[in-house]
Amino acid sequence: MKLNRAMYSITLLAGVALMGAHPAFADVTVVYKMISRDGSGTQTIRYADKQHVRLNMSGAGNRKMSMMKLGDKVYMINGNTVQDLDQLAQMMAMMGKGAKGNKAKRTDITYEDTGRTETIAGIQGKVYRFVERGKKHEIVLADDKDLHAAALGVVEIAKAMSAMMPADSKNMMRQNAPIKSMAMLRLDNNMHLQSIDRKKIQNSLFKLPGKPQQLGGMGALLKGMADKK
């Protein structure tokens, strides 16, 4: 599972909630089904509050990765390996792969209400069309406070990842802002809501499996070179 593809999915979810009016309600677990040329996978969002958010991603071949926000810190988890995303973002910036790359020109996206409705995982939403980079898309959006809370949780993770995002992904977050309080049920045939659980989340799901790794090896070398500039 490629990190940039995971970021793209996160950005889509975050964008629809970026300027939402709903307050964030505690404890909701949302599962999205993802379909791509590499196979199918899932993204599971667990949101308790702004300081406790977990995003689990699984891809083809049983590839798994998690991101967790605890307090003001966001971590990437692979098995028992934990990486502080602040440090990872700094490393990518030093390697010239962060948000300082080529700036993509922002083009506002217009959403057209088709007048149709669609019910997914028991939630009814409105079907919209939009064009992005010359490609037509169909998206189903719903006004559901708990689903929106989960999307707000993804916003918290996306904020911490902003230094790692390419400019076009950050633009998409802004472009999706007109949707405001709505949350995504489906995007084309590539992503759709599989389930939503409004039960209390166990505290154990917000515990790191180990201590975060420190920058070492090449990371320390790059940091030293950057400090000399």
C-alpha atoms as a PDB file:
ATOM      1  CA  MET A   1       0.000   0.000   0.000  1.00  0.00           C
ATOM      2  CA  LYS A   2       1.587   3.236  -1.155  1.00  0.00           C
ATOM      3  CA  LEU A   3       1.612   6.125   1.295  1.00  0.00           C
ATOM      4  CA  ASN A   4       0.677   8.720  -1.319  1.00  0.00           C
ATOM      5  CA  ARG A   5      -2.448   6.737  -2.235  1.00  0.00           C
ATOM      6  CA  ALA A   6      -3.397   6.564   1.450  1.00  0.00           C
ATOM      7  CA  MET A   7      -2.868  10.327   1.723  1.00  0.00           C
ATOM      8  CA  TYR A   8      -5.136  10.894  -1.268  1.00  0.00           C
ATOM      9  CA  SER A   9      -7.962   8.948   0.367  1.00  0.00           C
ATOM     10  CA  ILE A  10      -7.416  10.760   3.655  1.00  0.00           C
ATOM     11  CA  THR A  11      -7.544  14.097   1.859  1.00  0.00           C
ATOM     12  CA  LEU A  12     -10.840  13.240   0.172  1.00  0.00           C
ATOM     13  CA  LEU A  13     -12.399  12.461   3.526  1.00  0.00           C
ATOM     14  CA  ALA A  14     -10.844  15.454   5.226  1.00  0.00           C
ATOM     15  CA  GLY A  15     -11.855  17.867   2.498  1.00  0.00           C
ATOM     16  CA  VAL A  16     -15.574  17.270   2.821  1.00  0.00           C
ATOM     17  CA  ALA A  17     -15.417  18.067   6.525  1.00  0.00           C
ATOM     18  CA  LEU A  18     -12.880  20.877   6.514  1.00  0.00           C
ATOM     19  CA  MET A  19     -15.332  23.709   7.163  1.00  0.00           C
ATOM     20  CA  GLY A  20     -18.250  21.760   8.587  1.00  0.00           C
ATOM     21  CA  ALA A  21     -20.706  23.307  11.011  1.00  0.00           C
ATOM     22  CA  HIS A  22     -21.543  20.180  13.015  1.00  0.00           C
ATOM     23  CA  PRO A  23     -19.969  19.791  16.458  1.00  0.00           C
ATOM     24  CA  ALA A  24     -17.902  16.602  16.759  1.00  0.00           C
ATOM     25  CA  PHE A  25     -19.739  13.900  18.722  1.00  0.00           C
ATOM     26  CA  ALA A  26     -17.694  11.303  20.547  1.00  0.00           C
ATOM     27  CA  ASP A  27     -17.243   7.622  19.766  1.00  0.00           C
ATOM     28  CA  VAL A  28     -17.947   6.573  16.220  1.00  0.00           C
ATOM     29  CA  THR A  29     -16.291   3.858  14.120  1.00  0.00           C
ATOM     30  CA  VAL A  30     -16.607   4.129  10.343  1.00  0.00           C
ATOM     31  CA  VAL A  31     -15.395   1.626   7.730  1.00  0.00           C
ATOM     32  CA  TYR A  32     -14.910   2.575   4.063  1.00  0.00           C
ATOM     33  CA  LYS A  33     -14.359  -0.019   1.340  1.00  0.00           C
ATOM     34  CA  MET A  34     -11.619   0.952  -1.131  1.00  0.00           C
ATOM     35  CA  ILE A  35     -11.347  -0.526  -4.626  1.00  0.00           C
ATOM     36  CA  SER A  36      -8.363   0.030  -6.913  1.00  0.00           C
ATOM     37  CA  ARG A  37      -6.439  -1.704  -9.688  1.00  0.00           C
ATOM     38  CA  ASP A  38      -4.227  -3.251  -6.996  1.00  0.00           C
ATOM     39  CA  GLY A  39      -7.213  -4.862  -5.290  1.00  0.00           C
ATOM     40  CA  SER A  40      -9.656  -3.981  -2.544  1.00  0.00           C
ATOM     41  CA  GLY A  41      -9.022  -2.749   0.975  1.00  0.00           C
ATOM     42  CA  THR A  42     -10.601  -0.831   3.834  1.00  0.00           C
ATOM     43  CA  GLN A  43     -10.107   2.343   5.818  1.00  0.00           C
ATOM     44  CA  THR A  44     -11.425   2.233   9.374  1.00  0.00           C
ATOM     45  CA  ILE A  45     -11.777   5.506  11.285  1.00  0.00           C
ATOM     46  CA  ARG A  46     -12.202   5.474  15.050  1.00  0.00           C
ATOM     47  CA  TYR A  47     -12.997   8.861  16.550  1.00  0.00           C
ATOM     48  CA  ALA A  48     -13.435   9.493  20.284  1.00  0.00           C
ATOM     49  CA  ASP A  49     -12.441  13.172  20.375  1.00  0.00           C
ATOM     50  CA  LYS A  50      -9.938  15.497  18.685  1.00  0.00           C
ATOM     51  CA  GLN A  51      -7.109  14.060  20.784  1.00  0.00           C
ATOM     52  CA  HIS A  52      -8.003  10.398  20.157  1.00  0.00           C
ATOM     53  CA  VAL A  53      -8.333   9.404  16.495  1.00  0.00           C
ATOM     54  CA  ARG A  54      -7.212   6.188  14.826  1.00  0.00           C
ATOM     55  CA  LEU A  55      -7.139   5.401  11.106  1.00  0.00           C
ATOM     56  CA  ASN A  56      -6.478   1.778  10.100  1.00  0.00           C
ATOM     57  CA  MET A  57      -5.773   1.032   6.430  1.00  0.00           C
ATOM     58  CA  SER A  58      -5.593  -2.385   4.807  1.00  0.00           C
ATOM     59  CA  GLY A  59      -4.789  -3.118   1.192  1.00  0.00           C
ATOM     60  CA  ALA A  60      -4.325  -5.988  -1.207  1.00  0.00           C
ATOM     61  CA  GLY A  61      -2.101  -8.794   0.033  1.00  0.00           C
ATOM     62  CA  ASN A  62      -3.062  -8.090   3.657  1.00  0.00           C
ATOM     63  CA  ARG A  63      -0.914  -4.950   3.747  1.00  0.00           C
ATOM     64  CA  LYS A  64      -1.761  -2.887   6.802  1.00  0.00           C
ATOM     65  CA  MET A  65      -0.849   0.507   8.194  1.00  0.00           C
ATOM     66  CA  SER A  66      -2.312   2.720  10.914  1.00  0.00           C
ATOM     67  CA  MET A  67      -2.179   6.381  11.827  1.00  0.00           C
ATOM     68  CA  MET A  68      -3.095   7.579  15.288  1.00  0.00           C
ATOM     69  CA  LYS A  69      -3.544  11.018  16.831  1.00  0.00           C
ATOM     70  CA  LEU A  70      -2.877  11.165  20.556  1.00  0.00           C
ATOM     71  CA  GLY A  71      -3.013  14.629  22.046  1.00  0.00           C
ATOM     72  CA  ASP A  72      -1.142  16.916  19.655  1.00  0.00           C
ATOM     73  CA  LYS A  73       0.991  14.158  18.105  1.00  0.00           C
ATOM     74  CA  VAL A  74       0.283  11.905  15.125  1.00  0.00           C
ATOM     75  CA  TYR A  75       1.994   8.558  14.659  1.00  0.00           C
ATOM     76  CA  MET A  76       2.342   6.079  11.803  1.00  0.00           C
ATOM     77  CA  ILE A  77       2.216   2.422  12.861  1.00  0.00           C
ATOM     78  CA  ASN A  78       3.472  -0.591  10.897  1.00  0.00           C
ATOM     79  CA  GLY A  79       3.175  -3.723  13.032  1.00  0.00           C
ATOM     80  CA  ASN A  80       5.009  -2.848  16.248  1.00  0.00           C
ATOM     81  CA  THR A  81       7.025  -0.066  14.592  1.00  0.00           C
ATOM     82  CA  VAL A  82       5.899   3.451  15.522  1.00  0.00           C
ATOM     83  CA  GLN A  83       7.094   6.581  13.691  1.00  0.00           C
ATOM     84  CA  ASP A  84       6.468  10.136  14.855  1.00  0.00           C
ATOM     85  CA  LEU A  85       4.999  11.868  11.777  1.00  0.00           C
ATOM     86  CA  ASP A  86       6.578  15.186  12.777  1.00  0.00           C
ATOM     87  CA  GLN A  87       9.997  13.609  12.358  1.00  0.00           C
ATOM     88  CA  LEU A  88       8.996  11.838   9.140  1.00  0.00           C
ATOM     89  CA  ALA A  89       7.688  15.121   7.702  1.00  0.00           C
ATOM     90  CA  GLN A  90      10.963  16.839   8.578  1.00  0.00           C
ATOM     91  CA  MET A  91      12.921  14.084   6.844  1.00  0.00           C
ATOM     92  CA  MET A  92      10.782  14.301   3.701  1.00  0.00           C
ATOM     93  CA  ALA A  93      11.110  18.091   3.674  1.00  0.00           C
ATOM     94  CA  MET A  94      14.911  17.750   3.870  1.00  0.00           C
ATOM     95  CA  MET A  95      14.764  15.327   0.933  1.00  0.00           C
ATOM     96  CA  GLY A  96      12.654  17.803  -1.020  1.00  0.00           C
ATOM     97  CA  LYS A  97       9.534  15.613  -1.088  1.00  0.00           C
ATOM     98  CA  GLY A  98       7.307  17.568   1.238  1.00  0.00           C
ATOM     99  CA  ALA A  99       4.890  20.395   0.700  1.00  0.00           C
ATOM    100  CA  LYS A 100       7.696  22.612  -0.654  1.00  0.00           C
ATOM    101  CA  GLY A 101       7.561  20.850  -3.997  1.00  0.00           C
ATOM    102  CA  ASN A 102       5.949  22.196  -7.140  1.00  0.00           C
ATOM    103  CA  LYS A 103       2.839  24.169  -6.375  1.00  0.00           C
ATOM    104  CA  ALA A 104      -0.219  22.975  -8.237  1.00  0.00           C
ATOM    105  CA  LYS A 105      -2.535  25.613  -9.600  1.00  0.00           C
ATOM    106  CA  ARG A 106      -5.770  25.679  -7.669  1.00  0.00           C
ATOM    107  CA  THR A 107      -8.971  25.273  -9.637  1.00  0.00           C
ATOM    108  CA  ASP A 108     -12.236  25.509  -7.732  1.00  0.00           C
ATOM    109  CA  ILE A 109     -14.550  22.516  -8.011  1.00  0.00           C
ATOM    110  CA  THR A 110     -18.263  23.001  -8.636  1.00  0.00           C
ATOM    111  CA  TYR A 111     -20.654  20.393  -7.268  1.00  0.00           C
ATOM    112  CA  GLU A 112     -23.824  19.735  -9.263  1.00  0.00           C
ATOM    113  CA  ASP A 113     -26.805  18.281  -7.394  1.00  0.00           C
ATOM    114  CA  THR A 114     -28.258  15.523  -9.610  1.00  0.00           C
ATOM    115  CA  GLY A 115     -31.562  15.477  -7.710  1.00  0.00           C
ATOM    116  CA  ARG A 116     -31.052  11.790  -6.959  1.00  0.00           C
ATOM    117  CA  THR A 117     -30.645  10.160  -3.563  1.00  0.00           C
ATOM    118  CA  GLU A 118     -28.828   6.976  -2.618  1.00  0.00           C
ATOM    119  CA  THR A 119     -28.868   4.972   0.621  1.00  0.00           C
ATOM    120  CA  ILE A 120     -25.566   3.409   1.683  1.00  0.00           C
ATOM    121  CA  ALA A 121     -25.020   1.519   4.962  1.00  0.00           C
ATOM    122  CA  GLY A 122     -28.462   2.694   6.088  1.00  0.00           C
ATOM    123  CA  ILE A 123     -27.740   6.402   5.537  1.00  0.00           C
ATOM    124  CA  GLN A 124     -29.469   8.378   2.805  1.00  0.00           C
ATOM    125  CA  GLY A 125     -27.378  10.881   0.874  1.00  0.00           C
ATOM    126  CA  LYS A 126     -27.584  13.176  -2.119  1.00  0.00           C
ATOM    127  CA  VAL A 127     -25.786  12.367  -5.367  1.00  0.00           C
ATOM    128  CA  TYR A 128     -23.550  15.098  -6.795  1.00  0.00           C
ATOM    129  CA  ARG A 129     -21.354  15.345  -9.881  1.00  0.00           C
ATOM    130  CA  PHE A 130     -18.107  17.269 -10.178  1.00  0.00           C
ATOM    131  CA  VAL A 131     -15.182  17.566 -12.572  1.00  0.00           C
ATOM    132  CA  GLU A 132     -11.606  17.503 -11.295  1.00  0.00           C
ATOM    133  CA  ARG A 133      -8.610  17.734 -13.667  1.00  0.00           C
ATOM    134  CA  GLY A 134     -10.905  17.144 -16.604  1.00  0.00           C
ATOM    135  CA  LYS A 135     -12.263  13.897 -15.196  1.00  0.00           C
ATOM    136  CA  LYS A 136     -15.926  13.490 -14.239  1.00  0.00           C
ATOM    137  CA  HIS A 137     -16.775  12.091 -10.820  1.00  0.00           C
ATOM    138  CA  GLU A 138     -19.888  11.175  -8.866  1.00  0.00           C
ATOM    139  CA  ILE A 139     -20.008  11.562  -5.103  1.00  0.00           C
ATOM    140  CA  VAL A 140     -22.742  10.765  -2.559  1.00  0.00           C
ATOM    141  CA  LEU A 141     -22.853  13.044   0.486  1.00  0.00           C
ATOM    142  CA  ALA A 142     -24.954  12.826   3.635  1.00  0.00           C
ATOM    143  CA  ASP A 143     -25.789  15.164   6.502  1.00  0.00           C
ATOM    144  CA  ASP A 144     -25.044  12.739   9.367  1.00  0.00           C
ATOM    145  CA  LYS A 145     -23.463  14.153  12.524  1.00  0.00           C
ATOM    146  CA  ASP A 146     -21.576  10.981  13.519  1.00  0.00           C
ATOM    147  CA  LEU A 147     -20.215  10.332  10.036  1.00  0.00           C
ATOM    148  CA  HIS A 148     -19.160  13.953   9.915  1.00  0.00           C
ATOM    149  CA  ALA A 149     -17.424  13.556  13.288  1.00  0.00           C
ATOM    150  CA  ALA A 150     -15.377  10.704  11.832  1.00  0.00           C
ATOM    151  CA  ALA A 151     -14.412  12.898   8.878  1.00  0.00           C
ATOM    152  CA  LEU A 152     -13.384  15.640  11.318  1.00  0.00           C
ATOM    153  CA  GLY A 153     -11.131  13.083  12.979  1.00  0.00           C
ATOM    154  CA  VAL A 154      -9.422  12.531   9.639  1.00  0.00           C
ATOM    155  CA  VAL A 155      -8.982  16.307   9.381  1.00  0.00           C
ATOM    156  CA  GLU A 156      -6.973  16.171  12.624  1.00  0.00           C
ATOM    157  CA  ILE A 157      -4.649  13.567  11.098  1.00  0.00           C
ATOM    158  CA  ALA A 158      -4.478  15.452   7.795  1.00  0.00           C
ATOM    159  CA  LYS A 159      -3.388  18.620   9.598  1.00  0.00           C
ATOM    160  CA  ALA A 160      -0.397  16.798  11.033  1.00  0.00           C
ATOM    161  CA  MET A 161       0.374  15.320   7.603  1.00  0.00           C
ATOM    162  CA  SER A 162       0.169  18.662   5.791  1.00  0.00           C
ATOM    163  CA  ALA A 163       3.961  19.003   5.591  1.00  0.00           C
ATOM    164  CA  MET A 164       4.095  15.662   3.770  1.00  0.00           C
ATOM    165  CA  MET A 165       1.268  16.318   1.330  1.00  0.00           C
ATOM    166  CA  PRO A 166       1.888  17.403  -2.241  1.00  0.00           C
ATOM    167  CA  ALA A 167       0.374  20.775  -3.111  1.00  0.00           C
ATOM    168  CA  ASP A 168      -2.436  19.294  -5.212  1.00  0.00           C
ATOM    169  CA  SER A 169      -3.682  17.196  -2.274  1.00  0.00           C
ATOM    170  CA  LYS A 170      -3.723  20.248  -0.007  1.00  0.00           C
ATOM    171  CA  ASN A 171      -5.615  22.104  -2.735  1.00  0.00           C
ATOM    172  CA  MET A 172      -8.226  19.338  -2.776  1.00  0.00           C
ATOM    173  CA  MET A 173      -8.869  19.915   0.938  1.00  0.00           C
ATOM    174  CA  ARG A 174      -9.623  23.560   0.176  1.00  0.00           C
ATOM    175  CA  GLN A 175     -11.594  22.742  -2.948  1.00  0.00           C
ATOM    176  CA  ASN A 176     -13.907  20.436  -1.048  1.00  0.00           C
ATOM    177  CA  ALA A 177     -14.664  23.143   1.526  1.00  0.00           C
ATOM    178  CA  PRO A 178     -17.971  24.228  -0.130  1.00  0.00           C
ATOM    179  CA  ILE A 179     -19.488  20.883   0.884  1.00  0.00           C
ATOM    180  CA  LYS A 180     -19.258  22.115   4.482  1.00  0.00           C
ATOM    181  CA  SER A 181     -21.249  19.922   6.908  1.00  0.00           C
ATOM    182  CA  MET A 182     -21.726  16.921   4.620  1.00  0.00           C
ATOM    183  CA  ALA A 183     -19.742  13.681   4.798  1.00  0.00           C
ATOM    184  CA  MET A 184     -18.953  11.179   2.077  1.00  0.00           C
ATOM    185  CA  LEU A 185     -20.886   7.953   1.531  1.00  0.00           C
ATOM    186  CA  ARG A 186     -19.446   7.073  -1.877  1.00  0.00           C
ATOM    187  CA  LEU A 187     -16.944   8.336  -4.449  1.00  0.00           C
ATOM    188  CA  ASP A 188     -17.495   6.835  -7.907  1.00  0.00           C
ATOM    189  CA  ASN A 189     -17.058   3.062  -7.599  1.00  0.00           C
ATOM    190  CA  ASN A 190     -13.711   3.408  -5.828  1.00  0.00           C
ATOM    191  CA  MET A 191     -14.753   4.193  -2.277  1.00  0.00           C
ATOM    192  CA  HIS A 192     -17.972   3.651  -0.321  1.00  0.00           C
ATOM    193  CA  LEU A 193     -19.163   3.500   3.261  1.00  0.00           C
ATOM    194  CA  GLN A 194     -19.324  -0.101   4.422  1.00  0.00           C
ATOM    195  CA  SER A 195     -20.487   0.366   8.022  1.00  0.00           C
ATOM    196  CA  ILE A 196     -20.882   2.849  10.856  1.00  0.00           C
ATOM    197  CA  ASP A 197     -20.847   1.894  14.556  1.00  0.00           C
ATOM    198  CA  ARG A 198     -21.885   4.427  17.173  1.00  0.00           C
ATOM    199  CA  LYS A 199     -20.822   2.357  20.226  1.00  0.00           C
ATOM    200  CA  LYS A 200     -18.171   3.440  22.729  1.00  0.00           C
ATOM    201  CA  ILE A 201     -14.602   2.712  21.578  1.00  0.00           C
ATOM    202  CA  GLN A 202     -12.295   0.734  23.878  1.00  0.00           C
ATOM    203  CA  ASN A 203      -9.431   2.756  25.347  1.00  0.00           C
ATOM    204  CA  SER A 204      -6.974   0.012  24.374  1.00  0.00           C
ATOM    205  CA  LEU A 205      -7.410   0.926  20.695  1.00  0.00           C
ATOM    206  CA  PHE A 206      -5.698   4.251  21.374  1.00  0.00           C
ATOM    207  CA  LYS A 207      -2.481   2.761  22.788  1.00  0.00           C
ATOM    208  CA  LEU A 208       0.758   2.667  20.817  1.00  0.00           C
ATOM    209  CA  PRO A 209       2.309  -0.810  20.365  1.00  0.00           C
ATOM    210  CA  GLY A 210       5.763   0.547  21.199  1.00  0.00           C
ATOM    211  CA  LYS A 211       7.898   3.649  21.635  1.00  0.00           C
ATOM    212  CA  PRO A 212       8.204   5.961  18.613  1.00  0.00           C
ATOM    213  CA  GLN A 213      11.429   5.486  16.683  1.00  0.00           C
ATOM    214  CA  GLN A 214      13.863   8.369  16.606  1.00  0.00           C
ATOM    215  CA  LEU A 215      15.458   9.705  13.432  1.00  0.00           C
ATOM    216  CA  GLY A 216      18.632   7.758  12.858  1.00  0.00           C
ATOM    217  CA  GLY A 217      20.985   6.677  10.101  1.00  0.00           C
ATOM    218  CA  MET A 218      20.198   8.573   6.895  1.00  0.00           C
ATOM    219  CA  GLY A 219      17.649  10.724   8.732  1.00  0.00           C
ATOM    220  CA  ALA A 220      20.292  11.976  11.168  1.00  0.00           C
ATOM    221  CA  LEU A 221      22.718  12.580   8.306  1.00  0.00           C
ATOM    222  CA  LEU A 222      20.156  14.608   6.363  1.00  0.00           C
ATOM    223  CA  LYS A 223      19.299  16.593   9.464  1.00  0.00           C
ATOM    224  CA  GLY A 224      22.973  17.379  10.036  1.00  0.00           C
ATOM    225  CA  MET A 225      23.396  18.510   6.446  1.00  0.00           C
ATOM    226  CA  ALA A 226      20.296  20.729   6.712  1.00  0.00           C
ATOM    227  CA  ASP A 227      21.567  22.292   9.952  1.00  0.00           C
ATOM    228  CA  LYS A 228      24.812  23.319   8.207  1.00  0.00           C
ATOM    229  CA  LYS A 229      23.009  25.251   5.485  1.00  0.00           C
END
